[in-house]
Amino acid sequence: MRRYRNGRLAGVLALAYAALVLLLGVVSVVTLLTVQDPILLSGLALMLVTFPLGPLIWWGWELVPPGLEDPVLLIVLLTGVGLLQAYVLWRVLRGPALPDRRAA
């Protein structure tokens, strides 16, 4: 198993970010499915947390054909983008691989 210079810290930060994204996504979907006239502040928070890709999806949602404009699909897309960004965050923050101790 390879070790990285900042592996643990990067893992903790990426996991915390992914947990926040999942929490906001689940709260948003539950709100959309259970409340008759939802004021979706959790969806707005999800869009802001998933910056820079989240706002692009949010604003590009106007281009979706009218038959496919399901708000739950928008929240699922934003959550997926947030999880992708958590993975990228982990890859960027972990730093270079440390040399193998057994090779020395």
PDB file of N, CA and C in Angstrom:
ATOM      1  N   MET A   1       0.843  -1.170   0.000  1.00  0.00           N
ATOM      2  CA  MET A   1       0.000   0.000   0.000  1.00  0.00           C
ATOM      3  C   MET A   1       0.890   1.236   0.000  1.00  0.00           C
ATOM      4  N   ARG A   2       0.612   2.146  -0.897  1.00  0.00           N
ATOM      5  CA  ARG A   2       1.432   3.353  -1.003  1.00  0.00           C
ATOM      6  C   ARG A   2       1.021   4.359   0.057  1.00  0.00           C
ATOM      7  N   ARG A   3       2.009   5.065   0.551  1.00  0.00           N
ATOM      8  CA  ARG A   3       1.760   6.131   1.521  1.00  0.00           C
ATOM      9  C   ARG A   3       2.070   7.451   0.846  1.00  0.00           C
ATOM     10  N   TYR A   4       1.357   8.477   1.265  1.00  0.00           N
ATOM     11  CA  TYR A   4       1.504   9.800   0.675  1.00  0.00           C
ATOM     12  C   TYR A   4       1.856  10.797   1.762  1.00  0.00           C
ATOM     13  N   ARG A   5       2.516  11.874   1.347  1.00  0.00           N
ATOM     14  CA  ARG A   5       3.011  12.865   2.294  1.00  0.00           C
ATOM     15  C   ARG A   5       1.889  13.410   3.184  1.00  0.00           C
ATOM     16  N   ASN A   6       0.775  13.787   2.606  1.00  0.00           N
ATOM     17  CA  ASN A   6      -0.344  14.342   3.366  1.00  0.00           C
ATOM     18  C   ASN A   6      -1.566  13.430   3.293  1.00  0.00           C
ATOM     19  N   GLY A   7      -1.356  12.143   3.222  1.00  0.00           N
ATOM     20  CA  GLY A   7      -2.444  11.210   2.957  1.00  0.00           C
ATOM     21  C   GLY A   7      -3.560  11.229   3.976  1.00  0.00           C
ATOM     22  N   ARG A   8      -3.226  11.196   5.260  1.00  0.00           N
ATOM     23  CA  ARG A   8      -4.267  11.146   6.289  1.00  0.00           C
ATOM     24  C   ARG A   8      -5.052  12.443   6.355  1.00  0.00           C
ATOM     25  N   LEU A   9      -4.355  13.564   6.348  1.00  0.00           N
ATOM     26  CA  LEU A   9      -5.040  14.857   6.401  1.00  0.00           C
ATOM     27  C   LEU A   9      -5.923  15.048   5.172  1.00  0.00           C
ATOM     28  N   ALA A  10      -5.405  14.694   4.011  1.00  0.00           N
ATOM     29  CA  ALA A  10      -6.194  14.814   2.780  1.00  0.00           C
ATOM     30  C   ALA A  10      -7.416  13.911   2.840  1.00  0.00           C
ATOM     31  N   GLY A  11      -7.251  12.721   3.374  1.00  0.00           N
ATOM     32  CA  GLY A  11      -8.377  11.803   3.498  1.00  0.00           C
ATOM     33  C   GLY A  11      -9.451  12.323   4.438  1.00  0.00           C
ATOM     34  N   VAL A  12      -9.026  12.890   5.559  1.00  0.00           N
ATOM     35  CA  VAL A  12      -9.988  13.438   6.521  1.00  0.00           C
ATOM     36  C   VAL A  12     -10.739  14.620   5.917  1.00  0.00           C
ATOM     37  N   LEU A  13     -10.020  15.522   5.253  1.00  0.00           N
ATOM     38  CA  LEU A  13     -10.670  16.687   4.644  1.00  0.00           C
ATOM     39  C   LEU A  13     -11.631  16.277   3.530  1.00  0.00           C
ATOM     40  N   ALA A  14     -11.201  15.355   2.684  1.00  0.00           N
ATOM     41  CA  ALA A  14     -12.067  14.899   1.591  1.00  0.00           C
ATOM     42  C   ALA A  14     -13.288  14.160   2.132  1.00  0.00           C
ATOM     43  N   LEU A  15     -13.100  13.369   3.179  1.00  0.00           N
ATOM     44  CA  LEU A  15     -14.219  12.651   3.777  1.00  0.00           C
ATOM     45  C   LEU A  15     -15.210  13.616   4.433  1.00  0.00           C
ATOM     46  N   ALA A  16     -14.699  14.642   5.103  1.00  0.00           N
ATOM     47  CA  ALA A  16     -15.583  15.642   5.715  1.00  0.00           C
ATOM     48  C   ALA A  16     -16.376  16.391   4.643  1.00  0.00           C
ATOM     49  N   TYR A  17     -15.712  16.749   3.554  1.00  0.00           N
ATOM     50  CA  TYR A  17     -16.392  17.432   2.451  1.00  0.00           C
ATOM     51  C   TYR A  17     -17.453  16.526   1.833  1.00  0.00           C
ATOM     52  N   ALA A  18     -17.110  15.262   1.604  1.00  0.00           N
ATOM     53  CA  ALA A  18     -18.070  14.318   1.023  1.00  0.00           C
ATOM     54  C   ALA A  18     -19.264  14.110   1.958  1.00  0.00           C
ATOM     55  N   ALA A  19     -19.010  14.046   3.268  1.00  0.00           N
ATOM     56  CA  ALA A  19     -20.104  13.884   4.228  1.00  0.00           C
ATOM     57  C   ALA A  19     -21.031  15.095   4.213  1.00  0.00           C
ATOM     58  N   LEU A  20     -20.464  16.300   4.118  1.00  0.00           N
ATOM     59  CA  LEU A  20     -21.280  17.512   4.045  1.00  0.00           C
ATOM     60  C   LEU A  20     -22.132  17.514   2.780  1.00  0.00           C
ATOM     61  N   VAL A  21     -21.529  17.145   1.663  1.00  0.00           N
ATOM     62  CA  VAL A  21     -22.267  17.092   0.397  1.00  0.00           C
ATOM     63  C   VAL A  21     -23.397  16.065   0.479  1.00  0.00           C
ATOM     64  N   LEU A  22     -23.108  14.882   1.014  1.00  0.00           N
ATOM     65  CA  LEU A  22     -24.145  13.854   1.141  1.00  0.00           C
ATOM     66  C   LEU A  22     -25.264  14.293   2.082  1.00  0.00           C
ATOM     67  N   LEU A  23     -24.908  14.926   3.190  1.00  0.00           N
ATOM     68  CA  LEU A  23     -25.916  15.404   4.133  1.00  0.00           C
ATOM     69  C   LEU A  23     -26.844  16.422   3.476  1.00  0.00           C
ATOM     70  N   LEU A  24     -26.260  17.397   2.791  1.00  0.00           N
ATOM     71  CA  LEU A  24     -27.076  18.403   2.110  1.00  0.00           C
ATOM     72  C   LEU A  24     -27.923  17.783   1.000  1.00  0.00           C
ATOM     73  N   GLY A  25     -27.360  16.822   0.281  1.00  0.00           N
ATOM     74  CA  GLY A  25     -28.114  16.160  -0.779  1.00  0.00           C
ATOM     75  C   GLY A  25     -29.295  15.373  -0.245  1.00  0.00           C
ATOM     76  N   VAL A  26     -29.084  14.627   0.829  1.00  0.00           N
ATOM     77  CA  VAL A  26     -30.170  13.831   1.408  1.00  0.00           C
ATOM     78  C   VAL A  26     -31.252  14.737   1.985  1.00  0.00           C
ATOM     79  N   VAL A  27     -30.850  15.782   2.706  1.00  0.00           N
ATOM     80  CA  VAL A  27     -31.832  16.719   3.267  1.00  0.00           C
ATOM     81  C   VAL A  27     -32.632  17.380   2.145  1.00  0.00           C
ATOM     82  N   SER A  28     -31.971  17.740   1.067  1.00  0.00           N
ATOM     83  CA  SER A  28     -32.661  18.381  -0.057  1.00  0.00           C
ATOM     84  C   SER A  28     -33.666  17.445  -0.718  1.00  0.00           C
ATOM     85  N   VAL A  29     -33.273  16.206  -0.952  1.00  0.00           N
ATOM     86  CA  VAL A  29     -34.183  15.247  -1.592  1.00  0.00           C
ATOM     87  C   VAL A  29     -35.367  14.940  -0.677  1.00  0.00           C
ATOM     88  N   VAL A  30     -35.099  14.736   0.607  1.00  0.00           N
ATOM     89  CA  VAL A  30     -36.195  14.465   1.545  1.00  0.00           C
ATOM     90  C   VAL A  30     -37.149  15.653   1.602  1.00  0.00           C
ATOM     91  N   THR A  31     -36.606  16.871   1.609  1.00  0.00           N
ATOM     92  CA  THR A  31     -37.450  18.066   1.621  1.00  0.00           C
ATOM     93  C   THR A  31     -38.289  18.148   0.356  1.00  0.00           C
ATOM     94  N   LEU A  32     -37.686  17.890  -0.774  1.00  0.00           N
ATOM     95  CA  LEU A  32     -38.434  17.940  -2.037  1.00  0.00           C
ATOM     96  C   LEU A  32     -39.552  16.904  -2.095  1.00  0.00           C
ATOM     97  N   LEU A  33     -39.302  15.728  -1.543  1.00  0.00           N
ATOM     98  CA  LEU A  33     -40.279  14.649  -1.650  1.00  0.00           C
ATOM     99  C   LEU A  33     -41.361  14.689  -0.573  1.00  0.00           C
ATOM    100  N   THR A  34     -41.138  15.404   0.519  1.00  0.00           N
ATOM    101  CA  THR A  34     -42.106  15.371   1.617  1.00  0.00           C
ATOM    102  C   THR A  34     -42.864  16.677   1.826  1.00  0.00           C
ATOM    103  N   VAL A  35     -42.307  17.803   1.452  1.00  0.00           N
ATOM    104  CA  VAL A  35     -42.954  19.091   1.695  1.00  0.00           C
ATOM    105  C   VAL A  35     -43.696  19.511   0.435  1.00  0.00           C
ATOM    106  N   GLN A  36     -44.926  19.982   0.617  1.00  0.00           N
ATOM    107  CA  GLN A  36     -45.753  20.340  -0.538  1.00  0.00           C
ATOM    108  C   GLN A  36     -45.175  21.515  -1.322  1.00  0.00           C
ATOM    109  N   ASP A  37     -44.782  22.580  -0.639  1.00  0.00           N
ATOM    110  CA  ASP A  37     -44.239  23.768  -1.306  1.00  0.00           C
ATOM    111  C   ASP A  37     -42.885  24.100  -0.670  1.00  0.00           C
ATOM    112  N   PRO A  38     -41.824  23.377  -1.057  1.00  0.00           N
ATOM    113  CA  PRO A  38     -40.550  23.529  -0.349  1.00  0.00           C
ATOM    114  C   PRO A  38     -39.828  24.830  -0.686  1.00  0.00           C
ATOM    115  N   ILE A  39     -39.246  25.421   0.343  1.00  0.00           N
ATOM    116  CA  ILE A  39     -38.285  26.508   0.162  1.00  0.00           C
ATOM    117  C   ILE A  39     -36.935  25.836   0.377  1.00  0.00           C
ATOM    118  N   LEU A  40     -36.209  25.629  -0.689  1.00  0.00           N
ATOM    119  CA  LEU A  40     -35.073  24.715  -0.657  1.00  0.00           C
ATOM    120  C   LEU A  40     -33.762  25.444  -0.397  1.00  0.00           C
ATOM    121  N   LEU A  41     -33.552  25.856   0.845  1.00  0.00           N
ATOM    122  CA  LEU A  41     -32.285  26.493   1.193  1.00  0.00           C
ATOM    123  C   LEU A  41     -31.151  25.477   1.236  1.00  0.00           C
ATOM    124  N   SER A  42     -31.466  24.217   1.539  1.00  0.00           N
ATOM    125  CA  SER A  42     -30.420  23.196   1.538  1.00  0.00           C
ATOM    126  C   SER A  42     -29.917  22.946   0.116  1.00  0.00           C
ATOM    127  N   GLY A  43     -30.795  23.060  -0.879  1.00  0.00           N
ATOM    128  CA  GLY A  43     -30.365  22.929  -2.276  1.00  0.00           C
ATOM    129  C   GLY A  43     -29.462  24.068  -2.691  1.00  0.00           C
ATOM    130  N   LEU A  44     -29.785  25.271  -2.234  1.00  0.00           N
ATOM    131  CA  LEU A  44     -28.922  26.423  -2.505  1.00  0.00           C
ATOM    132  C   LEU A  44     -27.570  26.249  -1.820  1.00  0.00           C
ATOM    133  N   ALA A  45     -27.588  25.766  -0.577  1.00  0.00           N
ATOM    134  CA  ALA A  45     -26.333  25.510   0.133  1.00  0.00           C
ATOM    135  C   ALA A  45     -25.519  24.437  -0.585  1.00  0.00           C
ATOM    136  N   LEU A  46     -26.189  23.409  -1.098  1.00  0.00           N
ATOM    137  CA  LEU A  46     -25.498  22.356  -1.849  1.00  0.00           C
ATOM    138  C   LEU A  46     -24.850  22.926  -3.103  1.00  0.00           C
ATOM    139  N   MET A  47     -25.558  23.821  -3.772  1.00  0.00           N
ATOM    140  CA  MET A  47     -24.997  24.445  -4.970  1.00  0.00           C
ATOM    141  C   MET A  47     -23.754  25.267  -4.620  1.00  0.00           C
ATOM    142  N   LEU A  48     -23.790  25.981  -3.513  1.00  0.00           N
ATOM    143  CA  LEU A  48     -22.640  26.801  -3.119  1.00  0.00           C
ATOM    144  C   LEU A  48     -21.471  25.948  -2.629  1.00  0.00           C
ATOM    145  N   VAL A  49     -21.762  24.856  -1.922  1.00  0.00           N
ATOM    146  CA  VAL A  49     -20.702  23.980  -1.413  1.00  0.00           C
ATOM    147  C   VAL A  49     -19.982  23.276  -2.556  1.00  0.00           C
ATOM    148  N   THR A  50     -20.691  22.984  -3.630  1.00  0.00           N
ATOM    149  CA  THR A  50     -20.081  22.266  -4.752  1.00  0.00           C
ATOM    150  C   THR A  50     -19.454  23.207  -5.779  1.00  0.00           C
ATOM    151  N   PHE A  51     -19.130  24.420  -5.365  1.00  0.00           N
ATOM    152  CA  PHE A  51     -18.454  25.376  -6.246  1.00  0.00           C
ATOM    153  C   PHE A  51     -17.129  24.777  -6.700  1.00  0.00           C
ATOM    154  N   PRO A  52     -16.707  24.887  -7.926  1.00  0.00           N
ATOM    155  CA  PRO A  52     -17.149  25.660  -9.065  1.00  0.00           C
ATOM    156  C   PRO A  52     -18.110  24.921  -9.996  1.00  0.00           C
ATOM    157  N   LEU A  53     -18.212  23.589  -9.883  1.00  0.00           N
ATOM    158  CA  LEU A  53     -19.065  22.856 -10.827  1.00  0.00           C
ATOM    159  C   LEU A  53     -20.547  22.970 -10.495  1.00  0.00           C
ATOM    160  N   GLY A  54     -20.884  23.112  -9.224  1.00  0.00           N
ATOM    161  CA  GLY A  54     -22.280  23.210  -8.816  1.00  0.00           C
ATOM    162  C   GLY A  54     -23.024  24.369  -9.458  1.00  0.00           C
ATOM    163  N   PRO A  55     -22.489  25.592  -9.380  1.00  0.00           N
ATOM    164  CA  PRO A  55     -23.184  26.707 -10.038  1.00  0.00           C
ATOM    165  C   PRO A  55     -23.309  26.535 -11.555  1.00  0.00           C
ATOM    166  N   LEU A  56     -22.333  25.892 -12.180  1.00  0.00           N
ATOM    167  CA  LEU A  56     -22.439  25.655 -13.626  1.00  0.00           C
ATOM    168  C   LEU A  56     -23.624  24.746 -13.944  1.00  0.00           C
ATOM    169  N   ILE A  57     -23.809  23.698 -13.141  1.00  0.00           N
ATOM    170  CA  ILE A  57     -24.954  22.806 -13.345  1.00  0.00           C
ATOM    171  C   ILE A  57     -26.253  23.539 -13.028  1.00  0.00           C
ATOM    172  N   TRP A  58     -26.244  24.324 -11.958  1.00  0.00           N
ATOM    173  CA  TRP A  58     -27.446  25.060 -11.550  1.00  0.00           C
ATOM    174  C   TRP A  58     -27.895  26.010 -12.654  1.00  0.00           C
ATOM    175  N   TRP A  59     -26.948  26.784 -13.193  1.00  0.00           N
ATOM    176  CA  TRP A  59     -27.295  27.755 -14.228  1.00  0.00           C
ATOM    177  C   TRP A  59     -27.554  27.076 -15.572  1.00  0.00           C
ATOM    178  N   GLY A  60     -26.902  25.965 -15.829  1.00  0.00           N
ATOM    179  CA  GLY A  60     -27.131  25.235 -17.066  1.00  0.00           C
ATOM    180  C   GLY A  60     -28.428  24.443 -17.062  1.00  0.00           C
ATOM    181  N   TRP A  61     -29.071  24.377 -15.909  1.00  0.00           N
ATOM    182  CA  TRP A  61     -30.316  23.625 -15.795  1.00  0.00           C
ATOM    183  C   TRP A  61     -31.411  24.216 -16.680  1.00  0.00           C
ATOM    184  N   GLU A  62     -31.270  25.484 -17.039  1.00  0.00           N
ATOM    185  CA  GLU A  62     -32.251  26.133 -17.921  1.00  0.00           C
ATOM    186  C   GLU A  62     -32.253  25.511 -19.321  1.00  0.00           C
ATOM    187  N   LEU A  63     -31.179  24.841 -19.701  1.00  0.00           N
ATOM    188  CA  LEU A  63     -31.075  24.241 -21.030  1.00  0.00           C
ATOM    189  C   LEU A  63     -31.701  22.849 -21.113  1.00  0.00           C
ATOM    190  N   VAL A  64     -32.109  22.296 -19.972  1.00  0.00           N
ATOM    191  CA  VAL A  64     -32.699  20.957 -19.943  1.00  0.00           C
ATOM    192  C   VAL A  64     -34.098  21.013 -20.557  1.00  0.00           C
ATOM    193  N   PRO A  65     -34.460  20.051 -21.390  1.00  0.00           N
ATOM    194  CA  PRO A  65     -35.804  20.038 -21.978  1.00  0.00           C
ATOM    195  C   PRO A  65     -36.890  20.002 -20.893  1.00  0.00           C
ATOM    196  N   PRO A  66     -38.036  20.622 -21.156  1.00  0.00           N
ATOM    197  CA  PRO A  66     -39.091  20.732 -20.137  1.00  0.00           C
ATOM    198  C   PRO A  66     -39.553  19.401 -19.546  1.00  0.00           C
ATOM    199  N   GLY A  67     -39.512  18.330 -20.271  1.00  0.00           N
ATOM    200  CA  GLY A  67     -39.952  17.043 -19.738  1.00  0.00           C
ATOM    201  C   GLY A  67     -39.005  16.436 -18.718  1.00  0.00           C
ATOM    202  N   LEU A  68     -37.780  16.892 -18.684  1.00  0.00           N
ATOM    203  CA  LEU A  68     -36.772  16.305 -17.794  1.00  0.00           C
ATOM    204  C   LEU A  68     -36.407  17.186 -16.605  1.00  0.00           C
ATOM    205  N   GLU A  69     -37.095  18.291 -16.392  1.00  0.00           N
ATOM    206  CA  GLU A  69     -36.715  19.227 -15.334  1.00  0.00           C
ATOM    207  C   GLU A  69     -37.179  18.770 -13.958  1.00  0.00           C
ATOM    208  N   ASP A  70     -36.776  17.629 -13.523  1.00  0.00           N
ATOM    209  CA  ASP A  70     -37.127  17.139 -12.198  1.00  0.00           C
ATOM    210  C   ASP A  70     -36.142  17.712 -11.180  1.00  0.00           C
ATOM    211  N   PRO A  71     -36.612  18.420 -10.144  1.00  0.00           N
ATOM    212  CA  PRO A  71     -35.689  18.997  -9.165  1.00  0.00           C
ATOM    213  C   PRO A  71     -34.887  17.944  -8.408  1.00  0.00           C
ATOM    214  N   VAL A  72     -35.451  16.747  -8.240  1.00  0.00           N
ATOM    215  CA  VAL A  72     -34.702  15.685  -7.562  1.00  0.00           C
ATOM    216  C   VAL A  72     -33.489  15.299  -8.404  1.00  0.00           C
ATOM    217  N   LEU A  73     -33.647  15.262  -9.719  1.00  0.00           N
ATOM    218  CA  LEU A  73     -32.522  14.963 -10.607  1.00  0.00           C
ATOM    219  C   LEU A  73     -31.434  16.026 -10.481  1.00  0.00           C
ATOM    220  N   LEU A  74     -31.830  17.279 -10.352  1.00  0.00           N
ATOM    221  CA  LEU A  74     -30.857  18.356 -10.160  1.00  0.00           C
ATOM    222  C   LEU A  74     -30.070  18.149  -8.874  1.00  0.00           C
ATOM    223  N   ILE A  75     -30.741  17.796  -7.794  1.00  0.00           N
ATOM    224  CA  ILE A  75     -30.067  17.570  -6.515  1.00  0.00           C
ATOM    225  C   ILE A  75     -29.140  16.361  -6.611  1.00  0.00           C
ATOM    226  N   VAL A  76     -29.577  15.312  -7.292  1.00  0.00           N
ATOM    227  CA  VAL A  76     -28.726  14.127  -7.463  1.00  0.00           C
ATOM    228  C   VAL A  76     -27.483  14.484  -8.275  1.00  0.00           C
ATOM    229  N   LEU A  77     -27.636  15.285  -9.320  1.00  0.00           N
ATOM    230  CA  LEU A  77     -26.475  15.725 -10.112  1.00  0.00           C
ATOM    231  C   LEU A  77     -25.517  16.562  -9.275  1.00  0.00           C
ATOM    232  N   LEU A  78     -26.058  17.497  -8.492  1.00  0.00           N
ATOM    233  CA  LEU A  78     -25.202  18.329  -7.642  1.00  0.00           C
ATOM    234  C   LEU A  78     -24.469  17.485  -6.601  1.00  0.00           C
ATOM    235  N   THR A  79     -25.150  16.495  -6.043  1.00  0.00           N
ATOM    236  CA  THR A  79     -24.510  15.614  -5.063  1.00  0.00           C
ATOM    237  C   THR A  79     -23.412  14.784  -5.728  1.00  0.00           C
ATOM    238  N   GLY A  80     -23.669  14.269  -6.914  1.00  0.00           N
ATOM    239  CA  GLY A  80     -22.650  13.510  -7.642  1.00  0.00           C
ATOM    240  C   GLY A  80     -21.432  14.347  -7.972  1.00  0.00           C
ATOM    241  N   VAL A  81     -21.666  15.591  -8.382  1.00  0.00           N
ATOM    242  CA  VAL A  81     -20.548  16.498  -8.675  1.00  0.00           C
ATOM    243  C   VAL A  81     -19.762  16.792  -7.405  1.00  0.00           C
ATOM    244  N   GLY A  82     -20.457  16.947  -6.290  1.00  0.00           N
ATOM    245  CA  GLY A  82     -19.773  17.182  -5.019  1.00  0.00           C
ATOM    246  C   GLY A  82     -18.902  16.008  -4.615  1.00  0.00           C
ATOM    247  N   LEU A  83     -19.392  14.787  -4.828  1.00  0.00           N
ATOM    248  CA  LEU A  83     -18.586  13.607  -4.509  1.00  0.00           C
ATOM    249  C   LEU A  83     -17.388  13.487  -5.449  1.00  0.00           C
ATOM    250  N   LEU A  84     -17.569  13.838  -6.702  1.00  0.00           N
ATOM    251  CA  LEU A  84     -16.444  13.871  -7.638  1.00  0.00           C
ATOM    252  C   LEU A  84     -15.404  14.888  -7.175  1.00  0.00           C
ATOM    253  N   GLN A  85     -15.858  16.042  -6.725  1.00  0.00           N
ATOM    254  CA  GLN A  85     -14.927  17.065  -6.239  1.00  0.00           C
ATOM    255  C   GLN A  85     -14.225  16.612  -4.959  1.00  0.00           C
ATOM    256  N   ALA A  86     -14.884  15.822  -4.119  1.00  0.00           N
ATOM    257  CA  ALA A  86     -14.236  15.281  -2.921  1.00  0.00           C
ATOM    258  C   ALA A  86     -13.095  14.348  -3.319  1.00  0.00           C
ATOM    259  N   TYR A  87     -13.313  13.534  -4.343  1.00  0.00           N
ATOM    260  CA  TYR A  87     -12.264  12.642  -4.833  1.00  0.00           C
ATOM    261  C   TYR A  87     -11.086  13.443  -5.391  1.00  0.00           C
ATOM    262  N   VAL A  88     -11.389  14.469  -6.179  1.00  0.00           N
ATOM    263  CA  VAL A  88     -10.328  15.316  -6.743  1.00  0.00           C
ATOM    264  C   VAL A  88      -9.582  16.037  -5.626  1.00  0.00           C
ATOM    265  N   LEU A  89     -10.311  16.500  -4.621  1.00  0.00           N
ATOM    266  CA  LEU A  89      -9.687  17.165  -3.477  1.00  0.00           C
ATOM    267  C   LEU A  89      -8.713  16.228  -2.780  1.00  0.00           C
ATOM    268  N   TRP A  90      -9.095  14.980  -2.578  1.00  0.00           N
ATOM    269  CA  TRP A  90      -8.211  14.009  -1.954  1.00  0.00           C
ATOM    270  C   TRP A  90      -6.968  13.769  -2.811  1.00  0.00           C
ATOM    271  N   ARG A  91      -7.156  13.632  -4.125  1.00  0.00           N
ATOM    272  CA  ARG A  91      -6.018  13.385  -5.009  1.00  0.00           C
ATOM    273  C   ARG A  91      -5.045  14.554  -5.023  1.00  0.00           C
ATOM    274  N   VAL A  92      -5.565  15.782  -4.978  1.00  0.00           N
ATOM    275  CA  VAL A  92      -4.699  16.964  -5.041  1.00  0.00           C
ATOM    276  C   VAL A  92      -3.985  17.184  -3.713  1.00  0.00           C
ATOM    277  N   LEU A  93      -4.704  17.035  -2.606  1.00  0.00           N
ATOM    278  CA  LEU A  93      -4.131  17.356  -1.299  1.00  0.00           C
ATOM    279  C   LEU A  93      -3.201  16.286  -0.743  1.00  0.00           C
ATOM    280  N   ARG A  94      -3.286  15.059  -1.218  1.00  0.00           N
ATOM    281  CA  ARG A  94      -2.482  13.997  -0.609  1.00  0.00           C
ATOM    282  C   ARG A  94      -0.990  14.139  -0.879  1.00  0.00           C
ATOM    283  N   GLY A  95      -0.623  14.843  -1.919  1.00  0.00           N
ATOM    284  CA  GLY A  95       0.786  15.081  -2.202  1.00  0.00           C
ATOM    285  C   GLY A  95       1.446  13.897  -2.883  1.00  0.00           C
ATOM    286  N   PRO A  96       2.771  13.981  -3.030  1.00  0.00           N
ATOM    287  CA  PRO A  96       3.486  12.901  -3.717  1.00  0.00           C
ATOM    288  C   PRO A  96       3.602  11.650  -2.846  1.00  0.00           C
ATOM    289  N   ALA A  97       3.805  10.530  -3.510  1.00  0.00           N
ATOM    290  CA  ALA A  97       3.984   9.263  -2.798  1.00  0.00           C
ATOM    291  C   ALA A  97       5.337   9.257  -2.105  1.00  0.00           C
ATOM    292  N   LEU A  98       5.363   8.686  -0.915  1.00  0.00           N
ATOM    293  CA  LEU A  98       6.621   8.549  -0.186  1.00  0.00           C
ATOM    294  C   LEU A  98       7.365   7.328  -0.714  1.00  0.00           C
ATOM    295  N   PRO A  99       8.697   7.353  -0.639  1.00  0.00           N
ATOM    296  CA  PRO A  99       9.452   6.180  -1.095  1.00  0.00           C
ATOM    297  C   PRO A  99       9.121   4.958  -0.233  1.00  0.00           C
ATOM    298  N   ASP A 100       9.157   3.805  -0.852  1.00  0.00           N
ATOM    299  CA  ASP A 100       8.861   2.560  -0.150  1.00  0.00           C
ATOM    300  C   ASP A 100       9.986   2.257   0.827  1.00  0.00           C
ATOM    301  N   ARG A 101       9.648   1.962   2.077  1.00  0.00           N
ATOM    302  CA  ARG A 101      10.670   1.686   3.106  1.00  0.00           C
ATOM    303  C   ARG A 101      11.371   0.358   2.859  1.00  0.00           C
ATOM    304  N   ARG A 102      10.668  -0.589   2.265  1.00  0.00           N
ATOM    305  CA  ARG A 102      11.261  -1.910   2.029  1.00  0.00           C
ATOM    306  C   ARG A 102      12.328  -1.877   0.946  1.00  0.00           C
ATOM    307  N   ALA A 103      12.267  -0.894   0.050  1.00  0.00           N
ATOM    308  CA  ALA A 103      13.231  -0.822  -1.048  1.00  0.00           C
ATOM    309  C   ALA A 103      14.599  -0.362  -0.560  1.00  0.00           C
ATOM    310  N   ALA A 104      14.644   0.310   0.574  1.00  0.00           N
ATOM    311  CA  ALA A 104      15.919   0.855   1.065  1.00  0.00           C
ATOM    312  C   ALA A 104      16.766  -0.166   1.744  1.00  0.00           C
TER     313      ALA A 104
END
